[in-house]
Amino acid sequence: MVPSRILVTGGAGFIGSTVIATLLKKPSTQAVLNFDALTYAGNLLSLQEEAKDPRYTFQRASVQNLEEVQRALEDFQPDCILHLAAETHVDRSLNHPQTFLETNVLGTGILLQATSTYWESLPLEKADTFRFLHVSTDEVFGSLGDSGQFHQDSPYAPTSPYSASKSAADHLVRSWEKSFGLPCIITHGSNCYGPKQFPEKLIPLMILQALNGDSLPVYGDGQQIRDWIHVQDQADAIYQAACLGKPGGTYFTGGGQEQTNLLVVETLCRTLEEIGPFVESGFYKKNIKFVQDRPGHDYRYSMDCRKTQLDLDWKPHYAFADGLRETVRWYLNNPAWVKSIQTGEYRQWMDENYGWR
């Protein structure tokens, strides 16, 4: 099926805004509803061009509010829901785990409850083609050693409040599929990077710290390994899963490009020296500072994505070095966006223009 009326939860987030931009490039897309609570990392400035498209609508609302979700479903009548609304930062989950439980677990449960009721009310032909796609993470499977990969039948072994809350959300999705027949799909993505990412995550944090002349903190010895995927490749994979994914299907959407955290930071330093403000060689690298490792820090993630690539007719296109260079260039060329994030101006603008009803 090719979705035409798509409700995107968390559409003002990093991946969500790229997904919406991707949807609006598809001629089959009739309407997109961005359903987002605009928490700290949601940024409508990332959707300024898309907001000009008459097919795009924004609603400030939370997946934790059953009445708001029900009203959106009844009014918008989607044929597909892409569920991206989530708290996602591991460090933040260690300090504020309750927020992750409320959004990722309770919010997903409420969304499923409302969606199931809506789906059961649809005419048979529309119910047959309806899809609920839940975007999850590779972190739910825990940590790997130096070899091996996660597979679709890998056991769940979360190690942080973030990954545990996403695991719980995954199980809720599967329970609604089994108990109520709701046609659900789950994607598991790897570490995402690219333009417009909130600077709490590694890559944008290091870029902005470096440009400010600040230290570049690296946990432990920096040898933790992550698989990186460009946000556009991730958005394309999510769209393909919505179109070609089978109800009950699980799809791994990784970039297949493993890097240690230290190597990522060192590559960023070299890239900034090449295309950023002129500095002497090694200027940024000398600011790398190893700090105490965070609790329960997973060593390595890696997913076997071959089945996904075959089933969804998809593969990532960005080489990591090229995507990283593009990302650095974007932050260099968009100082107004960066300033709005650093000063909180974007938050004031969104609250003034999109306050709660």
Protein backbone atom coordinates (compact mmCIF):
# COMPACT_ATOMS: atom_id res chain seq x y z
CA MET A 1 0.00 0.00 0.00
CA VAL A 2 1.08 3.59 -0.60
CA PRO A 3 -0.12 5.88 2.20
CA SER A 4 -1.80 9.12 1.19
CA ARG A 5 -3.06 10.60 4.48
CA ILE A 6 -0.33 10.21 7.07
CA LEU A 7 -0.34 11.23 10.73
CA VAL A 8 3.18 11.64 12.09
CA THR A 9 3.68 11.79 15.85
CA GLY A 10 6.79 13.66 16.86
CA GLY A 11 7.00 15.31 13.47
CA ALA A 12 8.83 18.37 14.82
CA GLY A 13 11.73 16.21 15.98
CA PHE A 14 14.95 15.48 14.15
CA ILE A 15 13.91 12.31 12.33
CA GLY A 16 10.23 13.25 12.26
CA SER A 17 10.80 16.53 10.41
CA THR A 18 12.90 14.72 7.80
CA VAL A 19 10.17 12.10 7.42
CA ILE A 20 7.59 14.83 6.83
CA ALA A 21 9.81 16.52 4.24
CA THR A 22 10.19 13.15 2.52
CA LEU A 23 6.43 12.50 2.55
CA LEU A 24 5.68 15.89 0.98
CA LYS A 25 8.00 15.08 -1.92
CA LYS A 26 5.81 12.09 -2.82
CA PRO A 27 3.06 12.85 -5.37
CA SER A 28 0.86 10.20 -3.72
CA THR A 29 0.77 12.14 -0.45
CA GLN A 30 -2.54 13.98 -0.07
CA ALA A 31 -2.17 15.25 3.48
CA VAL A 32 0.26 15.10 6.42
CA LEU A 33 -0.64 15.90 10.01
CA ASN A 34 2.26 16.72 12.31
CA PHE A 35 1.07 15.75 15.82
CA ASP A 36 3.71 16.98 18.26
CA ALA A 37 3.82 18.24 21.85
CA LEU A 38 6.80 20.52 21.10
CA THR A 39 8.90 19.38 24.03
CA TYR A 40 12.45 20.72 24.34
CA ALA A 41 13.85 18.99 21.22
CA GLY A 42 10.88 19.65 18.92
CA ASN A 43 11.61 22.50 16.53
CA LEU A 44 9.15 23.85 13.97
CA LEU A 45 11.92 25.96 12.48
CA SER A 46 13.07 22.70 10.90
CA LEU A 47 9.82 22.62 8.90
CA GLN A 48 9.58 26.22 7.68
CA GLU A 49 9.56 25.25 4.00
CA GLU A 50 7.23 22.28 4.50
CA ALA A 51 4.78 24.50 6.42
CA LYS A 52 4.15 26.39 3.17
CA ASP A 53 2.74 23.24 1.56
CA PRO A 54 -1.10 23.22 1.72
CA ARG A 55 -1.01 19.48 2.35
CA TYR A 56 0.76 20.02 5.68
CA THR A 57 -1.03 20.65 8.99
CA PHE A 58 0.40 21.01 12.47
CA GLN A 59 -1.37 20.20 15.73
CA ARG A 60 0.30 20.82 19.07
CA ALA A 61 -0.83 17.91 21.21
CA SER A 62 0.57 15.05 23.25
CA VAL A 63 0.25 11.31 22.68
CA GLN A 64 -0.40 11.12 26.40
CA ASN A 65 -3.73 12.91 25.93
CA LEU A 66 -6.32 10.35 24.83
CA GLU A 67 -8.95 12.93 23.90
CA GLU A 68 -6.51 14.87 21.72
CA VAL A 69 -5.42 11.70 19.94
CA GLN A 70 -9.01 10.58 19.38
CA ARG A 71 -10.00 13.97 18.00
CA ALA A 72 -7.04 14.05 15.63
CA LEU A 73 -7.87 10.59 14.27
CA GLU A 74 -11.54 11.40 13.80
CA ASP A 75 -10.88 14.74 12.13
CA PHE A 76 -7.89 13.80 9.97
CA GLN A 77 -8.91 10.23 9.02
CA PRO A 78 -5.38 8.88 8.37
CA ASP A 79 -4.65 5.73 6.40
CA CYS A 80 -1.24 5.45 8.08
CA ILE A 81 0.29 6.47 11.40
CA LEU A 82 4.05 6.90 11.74
CA HIS A 83 4.81 6.93 15.46
CA LEU A 84 8.06 8.77 16.14
CA ALA A 85 7.10 10.73 19.27
CA ALA A 86 9.58 9.68 21.93
CA GLU A 87 12.17 10.73 24.45
CA THR A 88 15.44 9.44 22.98
CA HIS A 89 18.54 10.66 24.83
CA VAL A 90 20.17 8.02 27.04
CA ASP A 91 21.93 10.54 29.31
CA ARG A 92 18.67 12.37 29.94
CA SER A 93 16.93 9.07 30.74
CA LEU A 94 19.46 8.42 33.51
CA ASN A 95 18.52 11.71 35.18
CA HIS A 96 14.80 11.82 34.38
CA PRO A 97 13.56 8.26 33.83
CA GLN A 98 9.93 9.06 34.64
CA THR A 99 9.64 11.33 31.61
CA PHE A 100 10.69 8.43 29.41
CA LEU A 101 8.12 6.14 30.97
CA GLU A 102 5.37 8.71 30.51
CA THR A 103 6.13 9.50 26.86
CA ASN A 104 7.52 6.25 25.47
CA VAL A 105 5.40 3.75 27.39
CA LEU A 106 2.20 5.48 28.48
CA GLY A 107 2.08 7.66 25.37
CA THR A 108 2.48 4.68 23.05
CA GLY A 109 -0.21 2.75 24.95
CA ILE A 110 -2.68 5.63 24.70
CA LEU A 111 -1.94 6.09 21.01
CA LEU A 112 -2.49 2.37 20.39
CA GLN A 113 -5.76 2.42 22.31
CA ALA A 114 -7.13 5.32 20.28
CA THR A 115 -5.79 3.94 17.01
CA SER A 116 -7.35 0.52 17.58
CA THR A 117 -10.78 2.07 18.18
CA TYR A 118 -10.41 4.24 15.08
CA TRP A 119 -9.22 1.31 12.94
CA GLU A 120 -12.12 -0.88 14.00
CA SER A 121 -14.53 1.83 12.83
CA LEU A 122 -13.10 1.96 9.30
CA PRO A 123 -14.82 0.33 6.33
CA LEU A 124 -13.32 -3.06 5.54
CA GLU A 125 -11.37 -1.94 2.46
CA LYS A 126 -9.75 0.94 4.39
CA ALA A 127 -9.07 -1.18 7.44
CA ASP A 128 -7.25 -3.72 5.27
CA THR A 129 -4.77 -1.14 3.97
CA PHE A 130 -4.33 0.85 7.20
CA ARG A 131 -0.87 0.70 8.82
CA PHE A 132 0.52 1.66 12.23
CA LEU A 133 4.32 1.99 12.03
CA HIS A 134 6.29 2.27 15.25
CA VAL A 135 9.86 3.59 15.03
CA SER A 136 12.15 1.89 17.55
CA THR A 137 15.90 1.55 18.07
CA ASP A 138 18.72 -0.98 17.97
CA GLU A 139 19.40 -0.22 21.64
CA VAL A 140 16.54 -2.45 22.82
CA PHE A 141 18.73 -5.50 22.09
CA GLY A 142 21.47 -4.46 24.50
CA SER A 143 25.18 -4.60 23.85
CA LEU A 144 27.37 -6.70 21.54
CA GLY A 145 31.01 -7.72 21.81
CA ASP A 146 33.58 -7.21 19.07
CA SER A 147 31.74 -9.52 16.67
CA GLY A 148 28.22 -10.57 15.76
CA GLN A 149 25.06 -8.69 14.83
CA PHE A 150 21.49 -8.32 16.03
CA HIS A 151 18.86 -10.27 14.08
CA GLN A 152 15.08 -10.08 14.00
CA ASP A 153 14.90 -12.89 16.55
CA SER A 154 17.50 -11.40 18.92
CA PRO A 155 16.26 -11.24 22.53
CA TYR A 156 15.54 -7.90 24.13
CA ALA A 157 18.18 -6.86 26.68
CA PRO A 158 17.84 -3.11 27.38
CA THR A 159 20.39 -1.49 29.67
CA SER A 160 19.14 2.09 30.18
CA PRO A 161 15.80 3.68 31.10
CA TYR A 162 15.63 4.91 27.50
CA SER A 163 16.11 1.51 25.86
CA ALA A 164 13.89 -0.15 28.48
CA SER A 165 11.08 2.31 27.75
CA LYS A 166 11.41 1.73 24.01
CA SER A 167 11.40 -2.03 24.64
CA ALA A 168 8.17 -1.68 26.58
CA ALA A 169 6.68 0.37 23.74
CA ASP A 170 7.68 -2.34 21.23
CA HIS A 171 5.95 -4.98 23.36
CA LEU A 172 2.81 -2.86 23.59
CA VAL A 173 2.73 -2.53 19.81
CA ARG A 174 3.06 -6.29 19.36
CA SER A 175 0.39 -6.93 21.99
CA TRP A 176 -2.11 -4.71 20.15
CA GLU A 177 -1.30 -6.54 16.96
CA LYS A 178 -1.84 -9.97 18.56
CA SER A 179 -4.81 -9.11 20.79
CA PHE A 180 -6.75 -6.76 18.52
CA GLY A 181 -5.40 -7.47 15.05
CA LEU A 182 -4.13 -3.92 14.56
CA PRO A 183 -1.83 -3.98 11.48
CA CYS A 184 1.47 -2.90 13.05
CA ILE A 185 5.02 -2.62 11.74
CA ILE A 186 8.17 -1.95 13.78
CA THR A 187 11.42 -0.50 12.49
CA HIS A 188 14.66 -0.55 14.48
CA GLY A 189 17.03 2.24 13.49
CA SER A 190 20.69 2.74 14.28
CA ASN A 191 22.38 5.97 15.39
CA CYS A 192 21.10 8.80 13.24
CA TYR A 193 22.94 11.98 12.26
CA GLY A 194 22.45 14.88 9.87
CA PRO A 195 21.32 18.51 9.69
CA LYS A 196 18.92 20.04 12.24
CA GLN A 197 19.66 17.61 15.07
CA PHE A 198 19.24 18.93 18.60
CA PRO A 199 22.74 19.43 20.07
CA GLU A 200 22.54 16.97 22.94
CA LYS A 201 23.52 14.10 20.63
CA LEU A 202 27.17 13.36 19.93
CA ILE A 203 27.72 14.82 16.45
CA PRO A 204 25.95 18.21 16.72
CA LEU A 205 27.23 18.61 20.29
CA MET A 206 30.83 18.12 19.17
CA ILE A 207 30.41 20.47 16.20
CA LEU A 208 29.07 23.31 18.32
CA GLN A 209 31.50 22.70 21.18
CA ALA A 210 34.40 22.79 18.73
CA LEU A 211 33.22 26.00 17.05
CA ASN A 212 32.86 27.63 20.46
CA GLY A 213 36.41 26.59 21.38
CA ASP A 214 35.13 24.42 24.22
CA SER A 215 36.33 20.97 25.29
CA LEU A 216 35.08 17.90 23.44
CA PRO A 217 34.02 15.41 26.15
CA VAL A 218 34.32 11.73 25.21
CA TYR A 219 33.03 9.03 27.56
CA GLY A 220 35.57 6.54 28.90
CA ASP A 221 38.19 5.65 26.32
CA GLY A 222 35.90 6.46 23.38
CA GLN A 223 36.06 2.93 21.99
CA GLN A 224 32.31 2.30 22.10
CA ILE A 225 31.08 1.36 18.62
CA ARG A 226 27.92 2.61 16.94
CA ASP A 227 26.41 2.01 13.52
CA TRP A 228 25.65 5.37 11.89
CA ILE A 229 22.93 6.21 9.35
CA HIS A 230 22.16 9.56 7.74
CA VAL A 231 18.74 10.94 8.67
CA GLN A 232 17.60 11.01 5.03
CA ASP A 233 18.44 7.32 4.61
CA GLN A 234 16.48 6.64 7.80
CA ALA A 235 13.48 8.63 6.59
CA ASP A 236 13.52 6.78 3.26
CA ALA A 237 13.59 3.45 5.10
CA ILE A 238 10.61 4.43 7.24
CA TYR A 239 8.64 5.42 4.15
CA GLN A 240 9.49 2.16 2.39
CA ALA A 241 8.41 0.21 5.49
CA ALA A 242 5.07 2.04 5.46
CA CYS A 243 4.60 1.18 1.79
CA LEU A 244 5.98 -2.36 1.57
CA GLY A 245 6.18 -3.60 5.15
CA LYS A 246 3.89 -6.44 6.16
CA PRO A 247 1.74 -6.25 9.31
CA GLY A 248 3.65 -8.00 12.07
CA GLY A 249 6.93 -7.30 10.29
CA THR A 250 10.13 -6.14 11.97
CA TYR A 251 12.62 -4.20 9.86
CA PHE A 252 16.20 -3.22 10.72
CA THR A 253 17.20 0.14 9.25
CA GLY A 254 20.89 0.54 9.96
CA GLY A 255 23.57 2.35 8.01
CA GLY A 256 26.09 -0.48 8.03
CA GLN A 257 28.86 1.97 8.97
CA GLU A 258 30.36 1.22 12.37
CA GLN A 259 32.60 3.79 14.02
CA THR A 260 34.04 4.22 17.49
CA ASN A 261 32.89 7.34 19.29
CA LEU A 262 36.47 8.58 19.40
CA LEU A 263 36.94 8.12 15.66
CA VAL A 264 33.72 10.06 15.01
CA VAL A 265 34.97 12.98 17.08
CA GLU A 266 38.42 12.90 15.47
CA THR A 267 36.87 12.82 11.99
CA LEU A 268 34.70 15.79 12.91
CA CYS A 269 37.79 17.68 14.03
CA ARG A 270 39.55 17.05 10.72
CA THR A 271 36.44 17.96 8.74
CA LEU A 272 36.06 21.26 10.60
CA GLU A 273 39.70 22.06 9.89
CA GLU A 274 39.13 21.39 6.18
CA ILE A 275 35.88 23.30 5.59
CA GLY A 276 35.39 25.44 8.70
CA PRO A 277 37.05 28.62 9.98
CA PHE A 278 40.77 28.52 9.36
CA VAL A 279 42.75 26.99 12.23
CA GLU A 280 46.07 25.21 12.47
CA SER A 281 46.18 21.43 12.14
CA GLY A 282 45.18 19.66 15.34
CA PHE A 283 43.48 22.76 16.79
CA TYR A 284 40.20 20.97 17.55
CA LYS A 285 41.62 17.55 18.37
CA LYS A 286 43.68 18.95 21.24
CA ASN A 287 40.39 19.86 22.95
CA ILE A 288 39.23 16.23 23.18
CA LYS A 289 38.79 15.40 26.84
CA PHE A 290 38.12 11.91 28.16
CA VAL A 291 35.54 11.98 30.95
CA GLN A 292 34.10 9.40 33.32
CA ASP A 293 32.03 6.84 31.43
CA ARG A 294 28.28 6.91 31.92
CA PRO A 295 26.61 4.07 33.85
CA GLY A 296 25.78 0.95 31.84
CA HIS A 297 27.34 2.32 28.65
CA ASP A 298 26.77 -0.28 25.89
CA TYR A 299 29.90 -1.27 24.00
CA ARG A 300 28.67 -2.00 20.49
CA TYR A 301 25.54 -2.06 18.32
CA SER A 302 25.26 -3.72 14.92
CA MET A 303 22.25 -4.99 12.97
CA ASP A 304 21.94 -7.43 10.08
CA CYS A 305 19.85 -5.38 7.64
CA ARG A 306 20.04 -7.65 4.61
CA LYS A 307 16.47 -8.93 4.92
CA THR A 308 15.14 -5.39 5.33
CA GLN A 309 16.99 -4.19 2.25
CA LEU A 310 15.55 -7.03 0.21
CA ASP A 311 11.99 -6.83 1.55
CA LEU A 312 11.73 -3.05 1.36
CA ASP A 313 13.78 -2.47 -1.80
CA TRP A 314 15.91 -0.05 0.21
CA LYS A 315 19.52 0.57 1.07
CA PRO A 316 21.39 3.53 2.61
CA HIS A 317 23.06 5.86 0.14
CA TYR A 318 25.22 8.11 2.31
CA ALA A 319 28.80 7.11 3.01
CA PHE A 320 29.56 8.20 6.55
CA ALA A 321 32.41 10.55 5.63
CA ASP A 322 30.26 12.27 2.97
CA GLY A 323 27.24 12.57 5.24
CA LEU A 324 29.36 13.91 8.07
CA ARG A 325 30.91 16.55 5.80
CA GLU A 326 27.44 17.60 4.62
CA THR A 327 26.27 17.80 8.22
CA VAL A 328 29.20 19.96 9.32
CA ARG A 329 28.67 22.23 6.33
CA TRP A 330 24.99 22.64 7.23
CA TYR A 331 25.78 23.76 10.78
CA LEU A 332 28.41 26.16 9.47
CA ASN A 333 25.98 27.64 6.94
CA ASN A 334 23.01 28.02 9.31
CA PRO A 335 24.22 30.17 12.21
CA ALA A 336 20.74 31.64 12.78
CA TRP A 337 19.29 28.16 13.40
CA VAL A 338 22.17 27.30 15.71
CA LYS A 339 21.78 30.59 17.62
CA SER A 340 18.06 30.03 18.05
CA ILE A 341 18.78 26.63 19.63
CA GLN A 342 21.56 27.89 21.88
CA THR A 343 19.67 30.94 23.14
CA GLY A 344 16.23 29.35 23.38
CA GLU A 345 14.75 31.87 20.92
CA TYR A 346 13.07 29.09 18.94
CA ARG A 347 11.27 27.93 22.09
CA GLN A 348 9.87 31.40 22.73
CA TRP A 349 8.80 31.69 19.10
CA MET A 350 6.99 28.33 19.14
CA ASP A 351 5.26 29.02 22.44
CA GLU A 352 4.06 32.40 21.19
CA ASN A 353 2.80 31.03 17.89
CA TYR A 354 1.79 27.49 18.80
CA GLY A 355 0.78 27.64 22.45
CA TRP A 356 -1.48 25.03 24.00
CA ARG A 357 -5.12 25.49 23.16
